[in-house]
Amino acid sequence: MNKTTLLIIAGIGLGVSLHAQKFSSEKGQISFYSDAAIEDIEAVNNMVGSLFNAGSGDLVYIVKIKDFKFAKSLMREHFNEKYMEIEKFPKSTFQGKLVGFKAGNPGEQKVKAVGKLSIHGVTKDVEIPGTIEFTGGKAVVKSKFMVKLVDYSITIPQLVWQNIAEEIEVRVEFTYKPI
């Protein structure tokens, strides 16, 4: 199933119709950083699809795990096969609401994403702090938060425990355009 099909399905689930207060991601990026004793690990995914309804606050995004890019190909291979098990768990999702903003107000506003984050086959209720800025007819949403690997049943083999942090910093940035 391609990204467009997944977004259409997600949009139907959110009741998205063609209306000025509904947005799709023009540019979506999720990255993470692991600050560990032996080696820092960083990866970026620029292929993230998302929909946002400014009227209701509904927000959804879908991340294909295999689309994360690493500095070293071996890191990518280990991430996909040993930790994230992409054959069983090919994607991560968030579905919820963005709360604490006034649609269309200029300037950066502090917000919170409240909903369900699914990673590695585990879904957790989360509250994630962030910002939104409405500018030039677009909405830009940014967030930085920590994810504990144990919360999502991601295990670190004892042999490499110093290579990977137990908590990973996740950064999210979406630029939405009206649909």
Protein backbone atom coordinates (compact mmCIF):
# COMPACT_ATOMS: atom_id res chain seq x y z
CA MET A 1 0.00 0.00 0.00
CA ASN A 2 1.57 3.31 -0.99
CA LYS A 3 1.75 6.54 1.03
CA THR A 4 -1.12 8.20 -0.85
CA THR A 5 -3.47 5.26 -0.24
CA LEU A 6 -2.58 5.23 3.47
CA LEU A 7 -3.27 8.96 3.75
CA ILE A 8 -6.62 8.60 2.00
CA ILE A 9 -7.62 5.83 4.40
CA ALA A 10 -6.44 7.88 7.37
CA GLY A 11 -8.27 10.94 6.03
CA ILE A 12 -11.52 9.03 5.72
CA GLY A 13 -11.06 7.90 9.32
CA LEU A 14 -10.72 11.51 10.41
CA GLY A 15 -13.70 12.64 8.33
CA VAL A 16 -11.54 14.85 6.14
CA SER A 17 -13.36 16.64 3.37
CA LEU A 18 -12.20 19.37 1.04
CA HIS A 19 -12.43 22.39 3.30
CA ALA A 20 -10.05 25.26 4.02
CA GLN A 21 -9.36 24.17 7.62
CA LYS A 22 -7.99 20.80 6.55
CA PHE A 23 -4.31 20.36 5.75
CA SER A 24 -2.01 17.71 4.33
CA SER A 25 1.70 17.60 4.88
CA GLU A 26 3.60 19.32 2.15
CA LYS A 27 6.84 18.44 3.84
CA GLY A 28 7.06 16.04 6.76
CA GLN A 29 10.15 14.96 8.65
CA ILE A 30 10.73 12.76 11.66
CA SER A 31 14.21 12.22 13.02
CA PHE A 32 15.69 10.61 16.08
CA TYR A 33 18.90 10.80 18.04
CA SER A 34 20.42 8.24 20.39
CA ASP A 35 23.10 9.65 22.72
CA ALA A 36 24.97 6.56 23.93
CA ALA A 37 28.31 5.98 25.65
CA ILE A 38 30.11 4.46 22.66
CA GLU A 39 28.34 5.84 19.62
CA ASP A 40 25.69 8.43 18.78
CA ILE A 41 23.06 7.32 16.29
CA GLU A 42 20.94 9.68 14.23
CA ALA A 43 18.43 9.03 11.46
CA VAL A 44 16.03 11.10 9.36
CA ASN A 45 12.85 10.20 7.49
CA ASN A 46 11.58 12.78 4.97
CA MET A 47 8.84 10.54 3.57
CA VAL A 48 6.27 11.00 6.35
CA GLY A 49 2.61 11.49 5.45
CA SER A 50 0.27 13.46 7.68
CA LEU A 51 -3.18 15.08 7.79
CA PHE A 52 -4.32 17.84 10.13
CA ASN A 53 -7.79 19.30 10.66
CA ALA A 54 -7.40 22.78 12.19
CA GLY A 55 -11.14 22.93 12.93
CA SER A 56 -11.26 19.83 15.11
CA GLY A 57 -7.56 19.48 15.95
CA ASP A 58 -7.49 15.93 14.54
CA LEU A 59 -3.99 14.86 13.54
CA VAL A 60 -2.62 11.65 12.04
CA TYR A 61 0.74 10.64 10.65
CA ILE A 62 2.19 7.47 9.20
CA VAL A 63 5.90 6.65 9.14
CA LYS A 64 7.40 3.83 7.11
CA ILE A 65 10.27 2.60 9.25
CA LYS A 66 12.37 1.51 6.24
CA ASP A 67 12.52 5.14 5.02
CA PHE A 68 14.83 6.29 7.85
CA LYS A 69 18.25 7.29 6.52
CA PHE A 70 21.44 6.76 8.56
CA ALA A 71 25.06 7.88 8.17
CA LYS A 72 26.15 4.22 8.04
CA SER A 73 24.40 1.46 6.11
CA LEU A 74 25.14 -1.08 8.86
CA MET A 75 23.25 1.10 11.37
CA ARG A 76 20.26 1.12 9.04
CA GLU A 77 20.40 -2.66 8.61
CA HIS A 78 20.57 -3.31 12.37
CA PHE A 79 17.83 -0.76 13.07
CA ASN A 80 15.45 -2.28 10.51
CA GLU A 81 16.13 -5.96 11.17
CA LYS A 82 17.21 -6.35 14.79
CA TYR A 83 15.48 -3.54 16.66
CA MET A 84 12.43 -2.43 14.70
CA GLU A 85 11.75 -5.80 13.00
CA ILE A 86 10.26 -4.11 9.93
CA GLU A 87 9.01 -7.38 8.48
CA LYS A 88 6.55 -7.58 11.41
CA PHE A 89 6.20 -3.86 12.18
CA PRO A 90 6.71 -1.86 8.96
CA LYS A 91 5.26 1.44 10.17
CA SER A 92 4.72 3.73 13.11
CA THR A 93 1.63 5.91 13.50
CA PHE A 94 0.18 8.69 15.57
CA GLN A 95 -3.52 9.41 15.74
CA GLY A 96 -4.98 12.03 18.02
CA LYS A 97 -5.62 15.73 18.47
CA LEU A 98 -3.53 18.86 18.56
CA VAL A 99 -4.83 20.99 21.44
CA GLY A 100 -4.16 24.49 22.75
CA PHE A 101 -4.10 26.61 19.58
CA LYS A 102 -6.27 29.13 17.81
CA ALA A 103 -6.47 28.40 14.09
CA GLY A 104 -5.11 31.18 11.95
CA ASN A 105 -3.57 33.21 14.79
CA PRO A 106 -0.21 34.57 13.68
CA GLY A 107 2.98 33.69 15.52
CA GLU A 108 4.15 30.54 17.16
CA GLN A 109 1.73 28.90 19.61
CA LYS A 110 2.51 26.22 22.19
CA VAL A 111 0.42 23.08 21.68
CA LYS A 112 0.12 19.51 22.83
CA ALA A 113 -0.53 16.42 20.71
CA VAL A 114 -2.73 14.02 22.68
CA GLY A 115 -3.44 10.59 21.28
CA LYS A 116 -2.09 7.16 20.49
CA LEU A 117 1.47 6.57 19.34
CA SER A 118 2.18 3.15 17.84
CA ILE A 119 5.75 1.92 17.48
CA HIS A 120 6.98 -1.65 17.05
CA GLY A 121 3.45 -3.05 17.41
CA VAL A 122 2.84 -1.33 20.77
CA THR A 123 0.32 1.51 21.13
CA LYS A 124 0.57 3.96 24.02
CA ASP A 125 -1.46 6.99 25.07
CA VAL A 126 0.83 10.01 24.85
CA GLU A 127 0.89 13.77 25.41
CA ILE A 128 3.60 15.40 23.32
CA PRO A 129 4.51 19.10 23.64
CA GLY A 130 5.16 21.17 20.55
CA THR A 131 4.43 24.33 18.60
CA ILE A 132 2.29 25.38 15.67
CA GLU A 133 2.67 28.45 13.49
CA PHE A 134 0.18 29.58 10.84
CA THR A 135 1.99 31.56 8.17
CA GLY A 136 1.43 32.21 4.48
CA GLY A 137 -1.62 29.96 4.37
CA LYS A 138 0.39 27.03 5.77
CA ALA A 139 0.68 25.48 9.20
CA VAL A 140 4.04 24.38 10.60
CA VAL A 141 4.01 21.92 13.50
CA LYS A 142 7.19 21.08 15.43
CA SER A 143 7.90 18.87 18.40
CA LYS A 144 10.78 17.29 20.30
CA PHE A 145 10.18 14.51 22.81
CA MET A 146 11.73 11.40 24.34
CA VAL A 147 10.71 7.79 23.69
CA LYS A 148 11.74 5.00 26.07
CA LEU A 149 12.57 1.88 24.06
CA VAL A 150 11.29 -0.43 26.78
CA ASP A 151 7.82 1.21 26.54
CA TYR A 152 7.55 -0.07 22.96
CA SER A 153 9.09 -3.52 23.54
CA ILE A 154 12.28 -2.61 21.68
CA THR A 155 15.07 -4.61 23.27
CA ILE A 156 18.76 -3.84 23.20
CA PRO A 157 20.98 -6.95 23.18
CA GLN A 158 23.30 -7.07 26.19
CA LEU A 159 26.32 -7.15 23.87
CA VAL A 160 25.60 -3.67 22.47
CA TRP A 161 23.85 -1.97 25.42
CA GLN A 162 26.43 0.85 25.45
CA ASN A 163 25.85 1.57 21.73
CA ILE A 164 22.19 2.53 22.03
CA ALA A 165 20.49 4.85 24.50
CA GLU A 166 17.51 3.58 26.49
CA GLU A 167 15.68 6.82 25.64
CA ILE A 168 15.67 8.26 22.14
CA GLU A 169 15.08 11.92 21.29
CA VAL A 170 12.48 12.24 18.53
CA ARG A 171 12.01 15.42 16.48
CA VAL A 172 8.93 15.99 14.33
CA GLU A 173 8.37 18.79 11.83
CA PHE A 174 5.47 19.05 9.40
CA THR A 175 4.67 21.83 6.97
CA TYR A 176 0.99 21.58 6.05
CA LYS A 177 -0.82 23.16 3.12
CA PRO A 178 -4.61 23.49 2.80
CA ILE A 179 -6.48 20.76 0.93
